[in-house]
Amino acid sequence: MENRIMEEATKLLKLKGVKFTMNELATELSVSKRTLYEHFPSKNHLINKIVDCFLAEIKVKEEKIALDTTLPLIEKIRLLLVCVPAEGEAMDARLLLELKKYHYDQWEKVQLFLKEEWNIITHLLEQAKDEGILKNISIPLFIEMYIGAFNNAYTSLHEHNLTLGELLQQIVEVLMNGIKA
């Protein structure tokens, strides 16, 4: 039941953002609000669990990409930089703004993830530099540019109705084509 609740809540997040109500969620699932609260003590707890799962799925997807021996190195880097779970790709960028406004602790968790989860990508960027695939650039600066572009873009481009996947693809396109050797 917990998975069903989370799946339906994720659908509502896509449609309505974080402003969906537990009543709407109960209606969509054809269950009582009491049933929801038996599994999740609060809406904040539910959103916390969704964010945790979202970030865990990104880690799993990143590891799978990094270990894929059929992918060229530059393609691995590109895929890692646009890595979001399938259900996250269709979410629009306003969700991050709403997360910041209404569920700040979860937004901080996403920001911390963005700043700290760079081991795989850093290793691959170093390897690409060593192999002459990328120019001799400062990897920490590249990462700061990516994070800065992401943070600025989702706050200013949400009115252009970009999905999270589209936003990341456009950022990576600009950054990668600017650093290719």
N, C-alpha and C. Protein backbone atom coordinates (compact mmCIF):
# COMPACT_ATOMS: atom_id res chain seq x y z
N MET A 1 0.83 -1.20 0.00
CA MET A 1 0.00 0.00 0.00
C MET A 1 0.87 1.26 0.00
N GLU A 2 1.97 1.20 0.74
CA GLU A 2 2.86 2.36 0.81
C GLU A 2 3.35 2.76 -0.58
N ASN A 3 3.71 1.75 -1.39
CA ASN A 3 4.17 2.03 -2.76
C ASN A 3 3.07 2.65 -3.61
N ARG A 4 1.84 2.13 -3.46
CA ARG A 4 0.71 2.70 -4.21
C ARG A 4 0.49 4.16 -3.85
N ILE A 5 0.59 4.45 -2.56
CA ILE A 5 0.40 5.82 -2.09
C ILE A 5 1.48 6.72 -2.69
N MET A 6 2.71 6.24 -2.65
CA MET A 6 3.81 7.05 -3.18
C MET A 6 3.69 7.25 -4.69
N GLU A 7 3.29 6.21 -5.42
CA GLU A 7 3.11 6.32 -6.87
C GLU A 7 2.04 7.35 -7.21
N GLU A 8 0.92 7.27 -6.51
CA GLU A 8 -0.17 8.22 -6.78
C GLU A 8 0.21 9.63 -6.36
N ALA A 9 0.92 9.75 -5.24
CA ALA A 9 1.38 11.07 -4.79
C ALA A 9 2.35 11.67 -5.80
N THR A 10 3.19 10.83 -6.40
CA THR A 10 4.12 11.31 -7.44
C THR A 10 3.35 11.82 -8.65
N LYS A 11 2.28 11.12 -9.02
CA LYS A 11 1.43 11.60 -10.13
C LYS A 11 0.82 12.96 -9.79
N LEU A 12 0.33 13.09 -8.56
CA LEU A 12 -0.26 14.37 -8.15
C LEU A 12 0.80 15.47 -8.10
N LEU A 13 2.01 15.13 -7.71
CA LEU A 13 3.10 16.12 -7.73
C LEU A 13 3.32 16.65 -9.14
N LYS A 14 3.27 15.75 -10.12
CA LYS A 14 3.43 16.17 -11.52
C LYS A 14 2.30 17.10 -11.96
N LEU A 15 1.09 16.77 -11.54
CA LEU A 15 -0.08 17.54 -11.96
C LEU A 15 -0.26 18.85 -11.20
N LYS A 16 -0.11 18.80 -9.88
CA LYS A 16 -0.47 19.94 -9.05
C LYS A 16 0.68 20.54 -8.26
N GLY A 17 1.85 19.90 -8.32
CA GLY A 17 2.95 20.36 -7.49
C GLY A 17 2.73 19.91 -6.05
N VAL A 18 3.44 20.51 -5.12
CA VAL A 18 3.35 20.07 -3.72
C VAL A 18 2.08 20.55 -3.03
N LYS A 19 1.24 21.29 -3.72
CA LYS A 19 0.02 21.80 -3.12
C LYS A 19 -1.13 20.80 -3.12
N PHE A 20 -0.91 19.59 -3.65
CA PHE A 20 -1.99 18.60 -3.60
C PHE A 20 -2.34 18.33 -2.14
N THR A 21 -3.57 17.92 -1.93
CA THR A 21 -4.01 17.65 -0.55
C THR A 21 -4.07 16.14 -0.31
N MET A 22 -4.00 15.78 0.95
CA MET A 22 -4.13 14.36 1.30
C MET A 22 -5.53 13.87 0.96
N ASN A 23 -6.51 14.76 0.99
CA ASN A 23 -7.87 14.40 0.61
C ASN A 23 -7.91 14.01 -0.87
N GLU A 24 -7.24 14.81 -1.72
CA GLU A 24 -7.17 14.49 -3.15
C GLU A 24 -6.47 13.15 -3.37
N LEU A 25 -5.42 12.93 -2.63
CA LEU A 25 -4.68 11.67 -2.74
C LEU A 25 -5.56 10.49 -2.34
N ALA A 26 -6.29 10.64 -1.24
CA ALA A 26 -7.19 9.58 -0.78
C ALA A 26 -8.26 9.29 -1.84
N THR A 27 -8.80 10.34 -2.43
CA THR A 27 -9.82 10.18 -3.48
C THR A 27 -9.25 9.42 -4.67
N GLU A 28 -8.06 9.80 -5.12
CA GLU A 28 -7.43 9.14 -6.27
C GLU A 28 -7.18 7.66 -6.00
N LEU A 29 -6.87 7.33 -4.77
CA LEU A 29 -6.58 5.94 -4.40
C LEU A 29 -7.82 5.17 -3.97
N SER A 30 -8.94 5.86 -3.83
CA SER A 30 -10.19 5.27 -3.33
C SER A 30 -9.99 4.63 -1.96
N VAL A 31 -9.31 5.38 -1.10
CA VAL A 31 -9.11 4.96 0.29
C VAL A 31 -9.45 6.14 1.19
N SER A 32 -9.52 5.86 2.48
CA SER A 32 -9.80 6.95 3.42
C SER A 32 -8.50 7.69 3.75
N LYS A 33 -8.67 8.93 4.23
CA LYS A 33 -7.49 9.67 4.68
C LYS A 33 -6.84 8.95 5.85
N ARG A 34 -7.64 8.29 6.64
CA ARG A 34 -7.10 7.53 7.78
C ARG A 34 -6.11 6.47 7.29
N THR A 35 -6.45 5.81 6.19
CA THR A 35 -5.54 4.81 5.62
C THR A 35 -4.21 5.45 5.22
N LEU A 36 -4.29 6.63 4.62
CA LEU A 36 -3.06 7.34 4.25
C LEU A 36 -2.21 7.62 5.48
N TYR A 37 -2.87 8.13 6.52
CA TYR A 37 -2.13 8.52 7.72
C TYR A 37 -1.62 7.31 8.52
N GLU A 38 -2.17 6.14 8.27
CA GLU A 38 -1.62 4.93 8.88
C GLU A 38 -0.24 4.61 8.30
N HIS A 39 -0.05 4.96 7.04
CA HIS A 39 1.22 4.69 6.36
C HIS A 39 2.18 5.87 6.41
N PHE A 40 1.63 7.06 6.38
CA PHE A 40 2.44 8.28 6.41
C PHE A 40 1.80 9.24 7.41
N PRO A 41 2.48 9.53 8.52
CA PRO A 41 1.90 10.37 9.57
C PRO A 41 1.54 11.78 9.12
N SER A 42 2.17 12.24 8.04
CA SER A 42 1.88 13.59 7.54
C SER A 42 2.22 13.67 6.06
N LYS A 43 1.74 14.70 5.43
CA LYS A 43 2.08 14.94 4.04
C LYS A 43 3.58 15.20 3.92
N ASN A 44 4.15 15.91 4.88
CA ASN A 44 5.58 16.18 4.86
C ASN A 44 6.38 14.87 4.90
N HIS A 45 5.93 13.93 5.71
CA HIS A 45 6.59 12.63 5.78
C HIS A 45 6.52 11.92 4.43
N LEU A 46 5.37 12.00 3.77
CA LEU A 46 5.19 11.39 2.45
C LEU A 46 6.14 12.03 1.43
N ILE A 47 6.19 13.35 1.42
CA ILE A 47 7.07 14.04 0.47
C ILE A 47 8.54 13.72 0.78
N ASN A 48 8.87 13.62 2.05
CA ASN A 48 10.22 13.23 2.46
C ASN A 48 10.58 11.87 1.86
N LYS A 49 9.67 10.93 1.98
CA LYS A 49 9.91 9.57 1.46
C LYS A 49 10.04 9.59 -0.06
N ILE A 50 9.23 10.39 -0.74
CA ILE A 50 9.32 10.49 -2.20
C ILE A 50 10.66 11.07 -2.61
N VAL A 51 11.10 12.13 -1.94
CA VAL A 51 12.40 12.74 -2.25
C VAL A 51 13.52 11.74 -2.00
N ASP A 52 13.47 11.03 -0.88
CA ASP A 52 14.49 10.02 -0.58
C ASP A 52 14.55 8.95 -1.67
N CYS A 53 13.40 8.47 -2.10
CA CYS A 53 13.35 7.46 -3.16
C CYS A 53 13.87 8.01 -4.47
N PHE A 54 13.50 9.24 -4.77
CA PHE A 54 13.94 9.92 -5.99
C PHE A 54 15.47 9.99 -6.02
N LEU A 55 16.09 10.41 -4.92
CA LEU A 55 17.54 10.53 -4.85
C LEU A 55 18.21 9.16 -4.88
N ALA A 56 17.61 8.18 -4.23
CA ALA A 56 18.16 6.81 -4.26
C ALA A 56 18.12 6.24 -5.67
N GLU A 57 17.03 6.52 -6.40
CA GLU A 57 16.91 6.05 -7.78
C GLU A 57 17.97 6.70 -8.67
N ILE A 58 18.26 7.95 -8.43
CA ILE A 58 19.32 8.62 -9.20
C ILE A 58 20.65 7.91 -8.96
N LYS A 59 20.96 7.59 -7.71
CA LYS A 59 22.22 6.90 -7.40
C LYS A 59 22.31 5.56 -8.12
N VAL A 60 21.23 4.79 -8.09
CA VAL A 60 21.22 3.49 -8.76
C VAL A 60 21.41 3.66 -10.26
N LYS A 61 20.71 4.63 -10.84
CA LYS A 61 20.82 4.88 -12.27
C LYS A 61 22.24 5.32 -12.63
N GLU A 62 22.85 6.16 -11.79
CA GLU A 62 24.22 6.61 -12.03
C GLU A 62 25.20 5.44 -12.03
N GLU A 63 25.06 4.56 -11.06
CA GLU A 63 25.96 3.40 -10.98
C GLU A 63 25.80 2.51 -12.21
N LYS A 64 24.57 2.32 -12.65
CA LYS A 64 24.32 1.49 -13.83
C LYS A 64 24.97 2.11 -15.07
N ILE A 65 24.84 3.42 -15.23
CA ILE A 65 25.45 4.11 -16.37
C ILE A 65 26.97 3.99 -16.29
N ALA A 66 27.53 4.25 -15.12
CA ALA A 66 28.99 4.22 -14.95
C ALA A 66 29.57 2.85 -15.25
N LEU A 67 28.84 1.79 -14.94
CA LEU A 67 29.33 0.43 -15.15
C LEU A 67 29.05 -0.12 -16.54
N ASP A 68 28.30 0.61 -17.35
CA ASP A 68 27.94 0.15 -18.70
C ASP A 68 29.16 0.24 -19.62
N THR A 69 29.72 -0.89 -19.97
CA THR A 69 30.93 -0.92 -20.80
C THR A 69 30.65 -0.66 -22.27
N THR A 70 29.38 -0.64 -22.66
CA THR A 70 29.05 -0.39 -24.07
C THR A 70 28.98 1.10 -24.41
N LEU A 71 28.95 1.93 -23.39
CA LEU A 71 28.82 3.38 -23.62
C LEU A 71 30.19 4.04 -23.75
N PRO A 72 30.34 4.92 -24.75
CA PRO A 72 31.58 5.71 -24.81
C PRO A 72 31.65 6.63 -23.59
N LEU A 73 32.86 6.98 -23.19
CA LEU A 73 33.09 7.78 -21.99
C LEU A 73 32.31 9.10 -22.00
N ILE A 74 32.35 9.82 -23.10
CA ILE A 74 31.68 11.13 -23.17
C ILE A 74 30.17 10.96 -23.04
N GLU A 75 29.63 9.85 -23.56
CA GLU A 75 28.19 9.58 -23.45
C GLU A 75 27.82 9.26 -22.00
N LYS A 76 28.68 8.52 -21.30
CA LYS A 76 28.45 8.24 -19.88
C LYS A 76 28.35 9.55 -19.10
N ILE A 77 29.29 10.45 -19.36
CA ILE A 77 29.30 11.74 -18.66
C ILE A 77 28.00 12.50 -18.94
N ARG A 78 27.62 12.56 -20.21
CA ARG A 78 26.40 13.28 -20.58
C ARG A 78 25.18 12.67 -19.90
N LEU A 79 25.08 11.35 -19.94
CA LEU A 79 23.93 10.67 -19.32
C LEU A 79 23.90 10.87 -17.81
N LEU A 80 25.06 10.87 -17.19
CA LEU A 80 25.11 11.09 -15.74
C LEU A 80 24.68 12.50 -15.37
N LEU A 81 25.02 13.46 -16.21
CA LEU A 81 24.68 14.86 -15.92
C LEU A 81 23.19 15.15 -16.11
N VAL A 82 22.49 14.32 -16.86
CA VAL A 82 21.04 14.52 -17.04
C VAL A 82 20.24 13.45 -16.31
N CYS A 83 20.88 12.76 -15.40
CA CYS A 83 20.30 11.59 -14.73
C CYS A 83 19.20 11.98 -13.74
N VAL A 84 17.99 11.58 -14.05
CA VAL A 84 16.86 11.66 -13.12
C VAL A 84 16.02 10.40 -13.33
N PRO A 85 15.31 9.95 -12.30
CA PRO A 85 14.44 8.79 -12.50
C PRO A 85 13.39 9.09 -13.57
N ALA A 86 12.92 8.05 -14.23
CA ALA A 86 11.97 8.22 -15.33
C ALA A 86 10.78 9.09 -14.95
N GLU A 87 10.19 8.86 -13.76
CA GLU A 87 9.03 9.66 -13.37
C GLU A 87 9.41 11.11 -13.07
N GLY A 88 10.67 11.37 -12.83
CA GLY A 88 11.13 12.73 -12.54
C GLY A 88 11.35 13.56 -13.79
N GLU A 89 11.63 12.90 -14.91
CA GLU A 89 11.90 13.63 -16.15
C GLU A 89 10.72 14.49 -16.57
N ALA A 90 9.52 14.00 -16.35
CA ALA A 90 8.33 14.71 -16.80
C ALA A 90 7.88 15.81 -15.84
N MET A 91 8.48 15.87 -14.66
CA MET A 91 8.10 16.91 -13.70
C MET A 91 8.60 18.26 -14.18
N ASP A 92 7.77 19.27 -13.99
CA ASP A 92 8.25 20.58 -14.41
C ASP A 92 9.07 21.23 -13.32
N ALA A 93 9.85 22.21 -13.73
CA ALA A 93 10.84 22.82 -12.84
C ALA A 93 10.20 23.57 -11.67
N ARG A 94 8.92 23.93 -11.77
CA ARG A 94 8.28 24.66 -10.67
C ARG A 94 8.23 23.83 -9.40
N LEU A 95 8.29 22.52 -9.55
CA LEU A 95 8.25 21.66 -8.38
C LEU A 95 9.40 21.97 -7.42
N LEU A 96 10.57 22.26 -7.95
CA LEU A 96 11.70 22.60 -7.09
C LEU A 96 11.47 23.91 -6.36
N LEU A 97 10.85 24.87 -7.04
CA LEU A 97 10.51 26.13 -6.37
C LEU A 97 9.51 25.91 -5.25
N GLU A 98 8.52 25.08 -5.51
CA GLU A 98 7.52 24.77 -4.49
C GLU A 98 8.13 24.00 -3.34
N LEU A 99 9.04 23.10 -3.65
CA LEU A 99 9.73 22.35 -2.60
C LEU A 99 10.48 23.32 -1.70
N LYS A 100 11.14 24.29 -2.31
CA LYS A 100 11.90 25.28 -1.54
C LYS A 100 10.96 26.11 -0.65
N LYS A 101 9.80 26.46 -1.19
CA LYS A 101 8.88 27.33 -0.47
C LYS A 101 8.10 26.59 0.62
N TYR A 102 7.62 25.38 0.32
CA TYR A 102 6.71 24.70 1.24
C TYR A 102 7.33 23.53 2.01
N HIS A 103 8.43 23.00 1.51
CA HIS A 103 9.10 21.86 2.16
C HIS A 103 10.60 22.09 2.11
N TYR A 104 11.02 23.14 2.79
CA TYR A 104 12.40 23.61 2.70
C TYR A 104 13.42 22.54 3.08
N ASP A 105 13.11 21.72 4.07
CA ASP A 105 14.05 20.67 4.48
C ASP A 105 14.30 19.67 3.35
N GLN A 106 13.28 19.40 2.55
CA GLN A 106 13.45 18.49 1.41
C GLN A 106 14.24 19.17 0.28
N TRP A 107 14.00 20.44 0.08
CA TRP A 107 14.75 21.19 -0.91
C TRP A 107 16.23 21.21 -0.53
N GLU A 108 16.51 21.41 0.76
CA GLU A 108 17.90 21.39 1.23
C GLU A 108 18.55 20.03 0.98
N LYS A 109 17.79 18.97 1.14
CA LYS A 109 18.30 17.63 0.89
C LYS A 109 18.69 17.48 -0.59
N VAL A 110 17.86 18.00 -1.49
CA VAL A 110 18.17 17.96 -2.92
C VAL A 110 19.42 18.79 -3.21
N GLN A 111 19.51 19.97 -2.60
CA GLN A 111 20.69 20.83 -2.80
C GLN A 111 21.96 20.15 -2.29
N LEU A 112 21.89 19.51 -1.14
CA LEU A 112 23.04 18.80 -0.59
C LEU A 112 23.46 17.67 -1.53
N PHE A 113 22.48 16.95 -2.06
CA PHE A 113 22.75 15.88 -3.02
C PHE A 113 23.46 16.45 -4.24
N LEU A 114 22.95 17.59 -4.74
CA LEU A 114 23.56 18.23 -5.91
C LEU A 114 25.01 18.62 -5.66
N LYS A 115 25.31 19.04 -4.46
CA LYS A 115 26.66 19.51 -4.14
C LYS A 115 27.63 18.37 -3.81
N GLU A 116 27.12 17.27 -3.28
CA GLU A 116 28.02 16.24 -2.76
C GLU A 116 28.14 14.98 -3.60
N GLU A 117 27.19 14.69 -4.43
CA GLU A 117 27.20 13.42 -5.17
C GLU A 117 27.90 13.54 -6.52
N TRP A 118 29.19 13.78 -6.50
CA TRP A 118 29.94 13.99 -7.74
C TRP A 118 31.08 13.00 -7.94
N ASN A 119 31.22 12.00 -7.07
CA ASN A 119 32.36 11.09 -7.16
C ASN A 119 32.46 10.39 -8.52
N ILE A 120 31.37 9.80 -8.96
CA ILE A 120 31.38 9.05 -10.23
C ILE A 120 31.68 9.99 -11.39
N ILE A 121 30.98 11.11 -11.44
CA ILE A 121 31.18 12.05 -12.55
C ILE A 121 32.58 12.64 -12.52
N THR A 122 33.07 13.00 -11.34
CA THR A 122 34.42 13.55 -11.22
C THR A 122 35.45 12.56 -11.75
N HIS A 123 35.30 11.30 -11.38
CA HIS A 123 36.22 10.26 -11.86
C HIS A 123 36.19 10.17 -13.38
N LEU A 124 34.99 10.16 -13.96
CA LEU A 124 34.87 10.05 -15.42
C LEU A 124 35.37 11.30 -16.13
N LEU A 125 35.15 12.47 -15.54
CA LEU A 125 35.69 13.71 -16.13
C LEU A 125 37.22 13.69 -16.12
N GLU A 126 37.81 13.23 -15.03
CA GLU A 126 39.28 13.10 -14.94
C GLU A 126 39.79 12.14 -16.01
N GLN A 127 39.10 11.02 -16.14
CA GLN A 127 39.49 10.03 -17.14
C GLN A 127 39.39 10.62 -18.55
N ALA A 128 38.32 11.36 -18.82
CA ALA A 128 38.15 11.98 -20.14
C ALA A 128 39.23 13.02 -20.41
N LYS A 129 39.62 13.76 -19.39
CA LYS A 129 40.72 14.72 -19.54
C LYS A 129 42.02 13.98 -19.85
N ASP A 130 42.30 12.92 -19.11
CA ASP A 130 43.52 12.13 -19.30
C ASP A 130 43.59 11.53 -20.70
N GLU A 131 42.44 11.15 -21.24
CA GLU A 131 42.39 10.54 -22.57
C GLU A 131 42.31 11.58 -23.68
N GLY A 132 42.28 12.85 -23.34
CA GLY A 132 42.23 13.91 -24.34
C GLY A 132 40.86 14.13 -24.95
N ILE A 133 39.84 13.56 -24.35
CA ILE A 133 38.47 13.73 -24.85
C ILE A 133 37.93 15.10 -24.44
N LEU A 134 38.34 15.56 -23.26
CA LEU A 134 37.95 16.88 -22.77
C LEU A 134 39.18 17.76 -22.66
N LYS A 135 38.95 19.05 -22.79
CA LYS A 135 40.02 20.02 -22.60
C LYS A 135 40.49 19.96 -21.15
N ASN A 136 41.63 20.55 -20.89
CA ASN A 136 42.16 20.60 -19.54
C ASN A 136 41.43 21.70 -18.77
N ILE A 137 40.30 21.34 -18.21
CA ILE A 137 39.46 22.29 -17.48
C ILE A 137 39.52 21.99 -15.99
N SER A 138 39.11 22.94 -15.20
CA SER A 138 38.98 22.73 -13.76
C SER A 138 37.67 22.00 -13.51
N ILE A 139 37.77 20.78 -13.03
CA ILE A 139 36.56 19.99 -12.78
C ILE A 139 35.71 20.61 -11.67
N PRO A 140 36.31 21.07 -10.56
CA PRO A 140 35.47 21.73 -9.55
C PRO A 140 34.72 22.95 -10.11
N LEU A 141 35.37 23.70 -11.00
CA LEU A 141 34.70 24.85 -11.62
C LEU A 141 33.56 24.38 -12.52
N PHE A 142 33.79 23.32 -13.29
CA PHE A 142 32.75 22.77 -14.15
C PHE A 142 31.53 22.37 -13.31
N ILE A 143 31.79 21.71 -12.18
CA ILE A 143 30.71 21.28 -11.30
C ILE A 143 29.96 22.49 -10.74
N GLU A 144 30.69 23.51 -10.32
CA GLU A 144 30.05 24.74 -9.81
C GLU A 144 29.20 25.40 -10.90
N MET A 145 29.70 25.39 -12.13
CA MET A 145 28.93 25.96 -13.25
C MET A 145 27.65 25.17 -13.49
N TYR A 146 27.74 23.85 -13.42
CA TYR A 146 26.57 22.99 -13.60
C TYR A 146 25.53 23.28 -12.52
N ILE A 147 25.99 23.27 -11.26
CA ILE A 147 25.07 23.52 -10.14
C ILE A 147 24.48 24.92 -10.25
N GLY A 148 25.31 25.90 -10.57
CA GLY A 148 24.83 27.28 -10.71
C GLY A 148 23.82 27.41 -11.84
N ALA A 149 24.12 26.78 -12.97
CA ALA A 149 23.19 26.83 -14.10
C ALA A 149 21.87 26.16 -13.73
N PHE A 150 21.95 25.03 -13.06
CA PHE A 150 20.75 24.32 -12.65
C PHE A 150 19.91 25.16 -11.69
N ASN A 151 20.55 25.69 -10.66
CA ASN A 151 19.82 26.49 -9.67
C ASN A 151 19.23 27.75 -10.28
N ASN A 152 19.97 28.42 -11.14
CA ASN A 152 19.44 29.63 -11.78
C ASN A 152 18.35 29.30 -12.79
N ALA A 153 18.55 28.23 -13.54
CA ALA A 153 17.59 27.89 -14.59
C ALA A 153 16.24 27.47 -14.02
N TYR A 154 16.23 26.65 -12.99
CA TYR A 154 14.91 26.21 -12.51
C TYR A 154 14.16 27.34 -11.83
N THR A 155 14.86 28.36 -11.33
CA THR A 155 14.15 29.48 -10.71
C THR A 155 13.65 30.47 -11.75
N SER A 156 14.32 30.56 -12.90
CA SER A 156 13.90 31.55 -13.89
C SER A 156 13.20 30.95 -15.10
N LEU A 157 13.42 29.70 -15.39
CA LEU A 157 12.85 29.12 -16.60
C LEU A 157 11.56 28.34 -16.38
N HIS A 158 11.13 28.22 -15.12
CA HIS A 158 9.92 27.43 -14.87
C HIS A 158 8.71 27.97 -15.61
N GLU A 159 8.69 29.27 -15.88
CA GLU A 159 7.54 29.82 -16.60
C GLU A 159 7.53 29.42 -18.08
N HIS A 160 8.63 28.85 -18.56
CA HIS A 160 8.69 28.38 -19.95
C HIS A 160 8.22 26.93 -20.07
N ASN A 161 7.72 26.39 -18.97
CA ASN A 161 7.15 25.04 -18.94
C ASN A 161 8.13 23.95 -19.35
N LEU A 162 9.37 24.09 -18.97
CA LEU A 162 10.34 23.02 -19.21
C LEU A 162 10.18 21.94 -18.16
N THR A 163 10.30 20.70 -18.58
CA THR A 163 10.33 19.62 -17.60
C THR A 163 11.72 19.57 -17.01
N LEU A 164 11.85 18.85 -15.92
CA LEU A 164 13.16 18.70 -15.29
C LEU A 164 14.14 18.05 -16.26
N GLY A 165 13.69 17.03 -16.98
CA GLY A 165 14.54 16.36 -17.97
C GLY A 165 15.00 17.30 -19.06
N GLU A 166 14.08 18.12 -19.59
CA GLU A 166 14.43 19.08 -20.65
C GLU A 166 15.41 20.13 -20.14
N LEU A 167 15.17 20.60 -18.93
CA LEU A 167 16.05 21.60 -18.32
C LEU A 167 17.47 21.06 -18.21
N LEU A 168 17.61 19.86 -17.67
CA LEU A 168 18.95 19.27 -17.52
C LEU A 168 19.61 19.02 -18.86
N GLN A 169 18.84 18.56 -19.84
CA GLN A 169 19.42 18.31 -21.16
C GLN A 169 19.94 19.59 -21.80
N GLN A 170 19.22 20.68 -21.65
CA GLN A 170 19.68 21.94 -22.24
C GLN A 170 20.92 22.46 -21.53
N ILE A 171 20.97 22.35 -20.21
CA ILE A 171 22.16 22.78 -19.46
C ILE A 171 23.37 21.96 -19.88
N VAL A 172 23.20 20.65 -19.93
CA VAL A 172 24.31 19.77 -20.27
C VAL A 172 24.76 19.99 -21.71
N GLU A 173 23.82 20.22 -22.60
CA GLU A 173 24.18 20.49 -24.00
C GLU A 173 25.10 21.70 -24.09
N VAL A 174 24.76 22.76 -23.39
CA VAL A 174 25.59 23.97 -23.41
C VAL A 174 26.95 23.71 -22.77
N LEU A 175 26.95 23.09 -21.61
CA LEU A 175 28.22 22.85 -20.90
C LEU A 175 29.12 21.86 -21.64
N MET A 176 28.57 20.78 -22.15
CA MET A 176 29.39 19.76 -22.81
C MET A 176 29.93 20.24 -24.15
N ASN A 177 29.14 20.95 -24.89
CA ASN A 177 29.65 21.42 -26.17
C ASN A 177 30.66 22.54 -25.99
N GLY A 178 30.65 23.14 -24.82
CA GLY A 178 31.64 24.17 -24.52
C GLY A 178 32.96 23.62 -24.03
N ILE A 179 32.99 22.33 -23.64
CA ILE A 179 34.23 21.76 -23.10
C ILE A 179 34.79 20.62 -23.94
N LYS A 180 34.09 20.21 -24.99
CA LYS A 180 34.60 19.12 -25.83
C LYS A 180 35.92 19.53 -26.47
N ALA A 181 36.84 18.59 -26.53
CA ALA A 181 38.15 18.86 -27.16
C ALA A 181 38.01 18.84 -28.67
